Amino acid sequence: MTEYSVDAESVNMHQALPEVLAYSDETCRAVAEEMAATGVTSMQVADRETGIVCGTISAQELLMGRKRAVERESERNSTFPFELWPK
């Protein structure tokens, strides 16, 4: 997530939030599903309690995290060669 620095004096409390946004306490899976359902490729991230936008998340950032998980799983599966019937 790309974070924004928030200065309390510069925050407009009456600024309208975008129609499609992610909350900072949501899972990556929930954000990816929302992106897929709405067709957007990036979303602003807001704090649920204050409503202040604190960053953005893109589909590419979500995919980078998934890529790392796939690589770790691939390494785990290929670490131990195993023969069922020894010669």
N, C-alpha and C. Protein backbone atom coordinates (compact mmCIF):
# COMPACT_ATOMS: atom_id res chain seq x y z
N MET A 1 0.85 -1.17 0.00
CA MET A 1 0.00 0.00 0.00
C MET A 1 0.89 1.23 0.00
N THR A 2 0.54 2.18 -0.79
CA THR A 2 1.22 3.46 -0.78
C THR A 2 0.57 4.32 0.28
N GLU A 3 1.36 4.71 1.28
CA GLU A 3 0.79 5.49 2.39
C GLU A 3 0.92 6.98 2.13
N TYR A 4 -0.06 7.72 2.60
CA TYR A 4 -0.04 9.18 2.57
C TYR A 4 0.33 9.68 3.95
N SER A 5 1.09 10.76 4.00
CA SER A 5 1.32 11.38 5.30
C SER A 5 0.14 12.31 5.54
N VAL A 6 -0.43 12.20 6.73
CA VAL A 6 -1.63 12.96 7.04
C VAL A 6 -1.30 14.03 8.06
N ASP A 7 -1.51 15.26 7.67
CA ASP A 7 -1.33 16.40 8.56
C ASP A 7 -2.71 16.78 9.07
N ALA A 8 -2.89 16.77 10.38
CA ALA A 8 -4.21 16.99 10.98
C ALA A 8 -4.83 18.31 10.52
N GLU A 9 -4.02 19.33 10.27
CA GLU A 9 -4.56 20.62 9.88
C GLU A 9 -5.03 20.63 8.43
N SER A 10 -4.45 19.75 7.59
CA SER A 10 -4.79 19.78 6.18
C SER A 10 -5.93 18.83 5.82
N VAL A 11 -6.42 18.05 6.77
CA VAL A 11 -7.49 17.10 6.50
C VAL A 11 -8.82 17.81 6.47
N ASN A 12 -9.54 17.65 5.37
CA ASN A 12 -10.87 18.21 5.25
C ASN A 12 -11.86 17.14 5.68
N MET A 13 -12.45 17.28 6.84
CA MET A 13 -13.33 16.25 7.40
C MET A 13 -14.62 16.10 6.59
N HIS A 14 -14.94 17.08 5.74
CA HIS A 14 -16.17 17.02 4.97
C HIS A 14 -15.92 16.56 3.53
N GLN A 15 -14.68 16.14 3.25
CA GLN A 15 -14.34 15.65 1.92
C GLN A 15 -15.05 14.32 1.68
N ALA A 16 -15.69 14.20 0.53
CA ALA A 16 -16.43 12.98 0.21
C ALA A 16 -15.45 11.86 -0.13
N LEU A 17 -15.73 10.68 0.40
CA LEU A 17 -14.92 9.51 0.08
C LEU A 17 -15.34 8.98 -1.28
N PRO A 18 -14.43 8.34 -1.99
CA PRO A 18 -14.81 7.76 -3.28
C PRO A 18 -15.84 6.65 -3.10
N GLU A 19 -16.59 6.37 -4.14
CA GLU A 19 -17.64 5.36 -4.07
C GLU A 19 -17.07 3.97 -3.80
N VAL A 20 -15.92 3.66 -4.42
CA VAL A 20 -15.26 2.37 -4.23
C VAL A 20 -13.96 2.63 -3.48
N LEU A 21 -13.86 2.06 -2.29
CA LEU A 21 -12.64 2.22 -1.51
C LEU A 21 -12.42 0.99 -0.64
N ALA A 22 -11.21 0.87 -0.16
CA ALA A 22 -10.85 -0.21 0.75
C ALA A 22 -10.63 0.39 2.13
N TYR A 23 -10.88 -0.40 3.14
CA TYR A 23 -10.60 0.05 4.50
C TYR A 23 -9.29 -0.58 4.98
N SER A 24 -8.60 0.12 5.84
CA SER A 24 -7.27 -0.32 6.28
C SER A 24 -7.31 -1.63 7.06
N ASP A 25 -8.46 -2.05 7.55
CA ASP A 25 -8.54 -3.30 8.30
C ASP A 25 -9.05 -4.47 7.45
N GLU A 26 -9.23 -4.27 6.14
CA GLU A 26 -9.71 -5.33 5.26
C GLU A 26 -8.55 -6.24 4.83
N THR A 27 -8.88 -7.47 4.49
CA THR A 27 -7.87 -8.40 4.00
C THR A 27 -7.59 -8.11 2.52
N CYS A 28 -6.43 -8.58 2.07
CA CYS A 28 -6.08 -8.44 0.65
C CYS A 28 -7.10 -9.17 -0.21
N ARG A 29 -7.56 -10.31 0.25
CA ARG A 29 -8.55 -11.08 -0.51
C ARG A 29 -9.83 -10.26 -0.70
N ALA A 30 -10.31 -9.61 0.34
CA ALA A 30 -11.53 -8.81 0.24
C ALA A 30 -11.35 -7.65 -0.73
N VAL A 31 -10.18 -7.01 -0.68
CA VAL A 31 -9.90 -5.89 -1.58
C VAL A 31 -9.83 -6.39 -3.02
N ALA A 32 -9.16 -7.53 -3.25
CA ALA A 32 -9.07 -8.08 -4.60
C ALA A 32 -10.44 -8.45 -5.14
N GLU A 33 -11.30 -9.02 -4.30
CA GLU A 33 -12.66 -9.36 -4.74
C GLU A 33 -13.46 -8.11 -5.10
N GLU A 34 -13.29 -7.05 -4.32
CA GLU A 34 -13.98 -5.79 -4.62
C GLU A 34 -13.47 -5.20 -5.93
N MET A 35 -12.17 -5.28 -6.17
CA MET A 35 -11.61 -4.79 -7.43
C MET A 35 -12.19 -5.58 -8.60
N ALA A 36 -12.26 -6.90 -8.46
CA ALA A 36 -12.79 -7.74 -9.53
C ALA A 36 -14.27 -7.43 -9.78
N ALA A 37 -15.03 -7.22 -8.74
CA ALA A 37 -16.46 -6.97 -8.87
C ALA A 37 -16.76 -5.61 -9.51
N THR A 38 -15.92 -4.63 -9.21
CA THR A 38 -16.18 -3.28 -9.71
C THR A 38 -15.39 -2.92 -10.96
N GLY A 39 -14.35 -3.71 -11.26
CA GLY A 39 -13.55 -3.45 -12.45
C GLY A 39 -12.49 -2.38 -12.28
N VAL A 40 -12.22 -1.96 -11.06
CA VAL A 40 -11.17 -0.97 -10.84
C VAL A 40 -9.84 -1.68 -10.59
N THR A 41 -8.73 -1.00 -10.86
CA THR A 41 -7.41 -1.60 -10.65
C THR A 41 -6.63 -0.94 -9.53
N SER A 42 -7.17 0.10 -8.95
CA SER A 42 -6.56 0.68 -7.75
C SER A 42 -7.66 1.32 -6.90
N MET A 43 -7.43 1.33 -5.61
CA MET A 43 -8.43 1.86 -4.70
C MET A 43 -7.76 2.71 -3.63
N GLN A 44 -8.46 3.73 -3.20
CA GLN A 44 -7.98 4.48 -2.05
C GLN A 44 -8.28 3.67 -0.79
N VAL A 45 -7.40 3.78 0.20
CA VAL A 45 -7.57 3.07 1.46
C VAL A 45 -7.88 4.09 2.55
N ALA A 46 -8.98 3.85 3.27
CA ALA A 46 -9.40 4.79 4.31
C ALA A 46 -9.43 4.08 5.66
N ASP A 47 -9.22 4.85 6.71
CA ASP A 47 -9.37 4.35 8.06
C ASP A 47 -10.86 4.26 8.35
N ARG A 48 -11.31 3.11 8.82
CA ARG A 48 -12.75 2.90 9.02
C ARG A 48 -13.33 3.83 10.10
N GLU A 49 -12.55 4.09 11.15
CA GLU A 49 -13.06 4.90 12.27
C GLU A 49 -13.13 6.38 11.92
N THR A 50 -12.08 6.90 11.26
CA THR A 50 -12.04 8.34 11.00
C THR A 50 -12.52 8.71 9.62
N GLY A 51 -12.48 7.75 8.68
CA GLY A 51 -12.87 8.05 7.30
C GLY A 51 -11.80 8.78 6.53
N ILE A 52 -10.62 8.94 7.11
CA ILE A 52 -9.53 9.65 6.45
C ILE A 52 -8.80 8.70 5.51
N VAL A 53 -8.58 9.15 4.28
CA VAL A 53 -7.84 8.35 3.31
C VAL A 53 -6.37 8.33 3.73
N CYS A 54 -5.83 7.10 3.87
CA CYS A 54 -4.45 6.97 4.37
C CYS A 54 -3.50 6.37 3.34
N GLY A 55 -4.00 6.02 2.14
CA GLY A 55 -3.13 5.47 1.11
C GLY A 55 -3.91 4.93 -0.07
N THR A 56 -3.20 4.24 -0.95
CA THR A 56 -3.82 3.58 -2.09
C THR A 56 -3.27 2.17 -2.21
N ILE A 57 -4.02 1.30 -2.85
CA ILE A 57 -3.57 -0.06 -3.13
C ILE A 57 -3.93 -0.36 -4.59
N SER A 58 -3.01 -0.99 -5.30
CA SER A 58 -3.26 -1.33 -6.70
C SER A 58 -3.32 -2.84 -6.87
N ALA A 59 -3.91 -3.26 -7.97
CA ALA A 59 -3.97 -4.69 -8.28
C ALA A 59 -2.56 -5.26 -8.40
N GLN A 60 -1.65 -4.49 -8.95
CA GLN A 60 -0.27 -4.96 -9.10
C GLN A 60 0.37 -5.22 -7.73
N GLU A 61 0.10 -4.38 -6.75
CA GLU A 61 0.63 -4.61 -5.41
C GLU A 61 0.04 -5.87 -4.79
N LEU A 62 -1.24 -6.11 -5.01
CA LEU A 62 -1.87 -7.33 -4.51
C LEU A 62 -1.27 -8.56 -5.17
N LEU A 63 -1.00 -8.48 -6.48
CA LEU A 63 -0.41 -9.61 -7.19
C LEU A 63 1.03 -9.89 -6.76
N MET A 64 1.78 -8.85 -6.39
CA MET A 64 3.14 -9.06 -5.90
C MET A 64 3.12 -9.91 -4.63
N GLY A 65 2.18 -9.64 -3.74
CA GLY A 65 2.06 -10.44 -2.52
C GLY A 65 1.68 -11.88 -2.83
N ARG A 66 0.78 -12.07 -3.77
CA ARG A 66 0.38 -13.43 -4.17
C ARG A 66 1.54 -14.17 -4.83
N LYS A 67 2.33 -13.45 -5.63
CA LYS A 67 3.49 -14.05 -6.30
C LYS A 67 4.47 -14.60 -5.27
N ARG A 68 4.72 -13.83 -4.22
CA ARG A 68 5.63 -14.30 -3.15
C ARG A 68 5.09 -15.56 -2.49
N ALA A 69 3.79 -15.61 -2.26
CA ALA A 69 3.19 -16.79 -1.63
C ALA A 69 3.33 -18.01 -2.53
N VAL A 70 3.12 -17.84 -3.83
CA VAL A 70 3.25 -18.94 -4.78
C VAL A 70 4.71 -19.43 -4.82
N GLU A 71 5.66 -18.50 -4.82
CA GLU A 71 7.07 -18.88 -4.84
C GLU A 71 7.45 -19.66 -3.59
N ARG A 72 6.96 -19.23 -2.43
CA ARG A 72 7.26 -19.95 -1.19
C ARG A 72 6.67 -21.36 -1.23
N GLU A 73 5.45 -21.48 -1.72
CA GLU A 73 4.81 -22.79 -1.81
C GLU A 73 5.55 -23.69 -2.78
N SER A 74 6.01 -23.14 -3.87
CA SER A 74 6.76 -23.90 -4.87
C SER A 74 8.07 -24.40 -4.27
N GLU A 75 8.77 -23.55 -3.52
CA GLU A 75 10.01 -23.95 -2.86
C GLU A 75 9.75 -25.06 -1.84
N ARG A 76 8.69 -24.95 -1.11
CA ARG A 76 8.36 -25.94 -0.09
C ARG A 76 8.06 -27.30 -0.73
N ASN A 77 7.39 -27.29 -1.87
CA ASN A 77 7.03 -28.54 -2.53
C ASN A 77 8.20 -29.20 -3.24
N SER A 78 9.20 -28.44 -3.63
CA SER A 78 10.30 -29.03 -4.39
C SER A 78 11.54 -29.29 -3.54
N THR A 79 11.48 -29.09 -2.27
CA THR A 79 12.65 -29.22 -1.41
C THR A 79 13.02 -30.67 -1.15
N PHE A 80 12.06 -31.55 -1.02
CA PHE A 80 12.33 -32.93 -0.63
C PHE A 80 11.99 -33.91 -1.74
N PRO A 81 13.01 -34.31 -2.54
CA PRO A 81 12.73 -35.34 -3.53
C PRO A 81 12.47 -36.67 -2.82
N PHE A 82 11.54 -37.43 -3.35
CA PHE A 82 11.11 -38.62 -2.64
C PHE A 82 10.84 -39.74 -3.63
N GLU A 83 11.41 -40.92 -3.37
CA GLU A 83 11.14 -42.08 -4.20
C GLU A 83 10.24 -43.01 -3.42
N LEU A 84 9.18 -43.43 -4.07
CA LEU A 84 8.25 -44.33 -3.40
C LEU A 84 8.84 -45.74 -3.26
N TRP A 85 9.41 -46.23 -4.32
CA TRP A 85 9.97 -47.59 -4.30
C TRP A 85 11.45 -47.53 -4.57
N PRO A 86 12.28 -47.72 -3.56
CA PRO A 86 13.73 -47.70 -3.79
C PRO A 86 14.14 -48.82 -4.71
N LYS A 87 15.21 -48.61 -5.43
CA LYS A 87 15.69 -49.63 -6.39
C LYS A 87 16.49 -50.71 -5.72
